[in-house]
C-alpha atoms as a PDB file:
ATOM      1  CA  MET A   1      38.223  28.245  98.276  1.00  0.00           C
ATOM      2  CA  ASP A   2      37.162  24.682  97.520  1.00  0.00           C
ATOM      3  CA  LEU A   3      39.471  22.002  98.873  1.00  0.00           C
ATOM      4  CA  ASP A   4      39.093  18.275  98.270  1.00  0.00           C
ATOM      5  CA  PHE A   5      40.621  16.540 101.297  1.00  0.00           C
ATOM      6  CA  LEU A   6      40.763  13.173  99.556  1.00  0.00           C
ATOM      7  CA  ARG A   7      43.152  14.246  96.805  1.00  0.00           C
ATOM      8  CA  VAL A   8      46.804  13.375  97.388  1.00  0.00           C
ATOM      9  CA  LYS A   9      47.905  16.638  95.777  1.00  0.00           C
ATOM     10  CA  ASN A  10      45.989  18.648  98.399  1.00  0.00           C
ATOM     11  CA  ILE A  11      47.357  16.529 101.228  1.00  0.00           C
ATOM     12  CA  LYS A  12      50.935  17.231 100.077  1.00  0.00           C
ATOM     13  CA  ILE A  13      50.330  20.972  99.678  1.00  0.00           C
ATOM     14  CA  GLY A  14      48.585  21.229 103.041  1.00  0.00           C
ATOM     15  CA  ILE A  15      45.655  23.219 104.281  1.00  0.00           C
ATOM     16  CA  PRO A  16      46.147  26.991 104.187  1.00  0.00           C
ATOM     17  CA  SER A  17      46.135  28.757 107.553  1.00  0.00           C
ATOM     18  CA  PRO A  18      43.174  31.041 108.274  1.00  0.00           C
ATOM     19  CA  VAL A  19      43.596  34.805 108.374  1.00  0.00           C
ATOM     20  CA  ILE A  20      44.414  35.944 111.911  1.00  0.00           C
ATOM     21  CA  LYS A  21      42.176  38.667 113.346  1.00  0.00           C
ATOM     22  CA  ASN A  22      43.910  41.319 115.424  1.00  0.00           C
ATOM     23  CA  TYR A  23      40.738  42.585 117.079  1.00  0.00           C
ATOM     24  CA  PHE A  24      37.762  41.357 119.064  1.00  0.00           C
ATOM     25  CA  ARG A  25      34.326  41.612 117.472  1.00  0.00           C
ATOM     26  CA  GLY A  26      32.608  42.717 120.676  1.00  0.00           C
ATOM     27  CA  ILE A  27      29.054  43.946 121.114  1.00  0.00           C
ATOM     28  CA  LYS A  28      27.482  47.394 121.321  1.00  0.00           C
ATOM     29  CA  GLN A  29      27.660  49.120 124.702  1.00  0.00           C
ATOM     30  CA  GLU A  30      23.865  49.456 124.769  1.00  0.00           C
ATOM     31  CA  ARG A  31      23.399  45.711 124.389  1.00  0.00           C
ATOM     32  CA  LYS A  32      26.045  44.923 127.006  1.00  0.00           C
ATOM     33  CA  ASP A  33      24.352  47.278 129.475  1.00  0.00           C
ATOM     34  CA  GLU A  34      20.966  45.603 128.853  1.00  0.00           C
ATOM     35  CA  ILE A  35      22.427  42.143 129.412  1.00  0.00           C
ATOM     36  CA  LEU A  36      24.173  43.191 132.601  1.00  0.00           C
ATOM     37  CA  GLN A  37      21.083  44.953 133.930  1.00  0.00           C
ATOM     38  CA  LYS A  38      18.610  42.143 133.188  1.00  0.00           C
ATOM     39  CA  LEU A  39      20.648  38.984 133.576  1.00  0.00           C
ATOM     40  CA  SER A  40      23.397  39.841 136.024  1.00  0.00           C
ATOM     41  CA  PRO A  41      21.162  39.391 139.091  1.00  0.00           C
ATOM     42  CA  LEU A  42      20.102  35.959 137.790  1.00  0.00           C
ATOM     43  CA  MET A  43      23.505  34.533 136.902  1.00  0.00           C
ATOM     44  CA  PRO A  44      26.100  33.011 139.222  1.00  0.00           C
ATOM     45  CA  GLU A  45      29.038  35.181 140.264  1.00  0.00           C
ATOM     46  CA  ASN A  46      31.546  33.125 138.244  1.00  0.00           C
ATOM     47  CA  ARG A  47      29.651  33.864 134.990  1.00  0.00           C
ATOM     48  CA  ARG A  48      29.461  37.635 135.502  1.00  0.00           C
ATOM     49  CA  ALA A  49      33.178  38.133 134.849  1.00  0.00           C
ATOM     50  CA  PHE A  50      32.703  37.077 131.211  1.00  0.00           C
ATOM     51  CA  TRP A  51      29.999  39.688 130.600  1.00  0.00           C
ATOM     52  CA  ASN A  52      31.786  42.417 132.535  1.00  0.00           C
ATOM     53  CA  ASN A  53      34.982  41.865 130.505  1.00  0.00           C
ATOM     54  CA  LEU A  54      33.276  41.427 127.121  1.00  0.00           C
ATOM     55  CA  PRO A  55      34.809  43.842 124.568  1.00  0.00           C
ATOM     56  CA  VAL A  56      32.663  46.740 123.374  1.00  0.00           C
ATOM     57  CA  ASN A  57      32.520  47.790 119.735  1.00  0.00           C
ATOM     58  CA  ASP A  58      29.873  50.309 118.697  1.00  0.00           C
ATOM     59  CA  ASP A  59      30.330  49.267 115.049  1.00  0.00           C
ATOM     60  CA  ALA A  60      29.444  45.644 115.865  1.00  0.00           C
ATOM     61  CA  VAL A  61      26.506  44.059 114.065  1.00  0.00           C
ATOM     62  CA  ASN A  62      23.848  42.139 115.976  1.00  0.00           C
ATOM     63  CA  LEU A  63      24.059  38.747 114.264  1.00  0.00           C
ATOM     64  CA  ILE A  64      20.620  37.736 115.545  1.00  0.00           C
ATOM     65  CA  THR A  65      18.854  40.449 113.538  1.00  0.00           C
ATOM     66  CA  GLU A  66      21.393  41.177 110.786  1.00  0.00           C
ATOM     67  CA  TYR A  67      23.070  38.370 108.902  1.00  0.00           C
ATOM     68  CA  ASP A  68      25.020  38.619 105.672  1.00  0.00           C
ATOM     69  CA  ASP A  69      25.797  35.281 104.042  1.00  0.00           C
ATOM     70  CA  SER A  70      28.269  36.620 101.497  1.00  0.00           C
END
């Protein structure tokens, strides 16, 4: 969708709301385990809660190695 913010017509209509996702993307369990094993001893206690509570999704794509720009 192409939206010209400078046009009065578009300002009157408004900007459409984004689609709401009902799920967390998460990371693969294998990757989470590697991160916790390697980095957990190095990180402060207050940062570990984020990684311990990170959602797991075995269908997740690693965006560092796989990227689809479609």
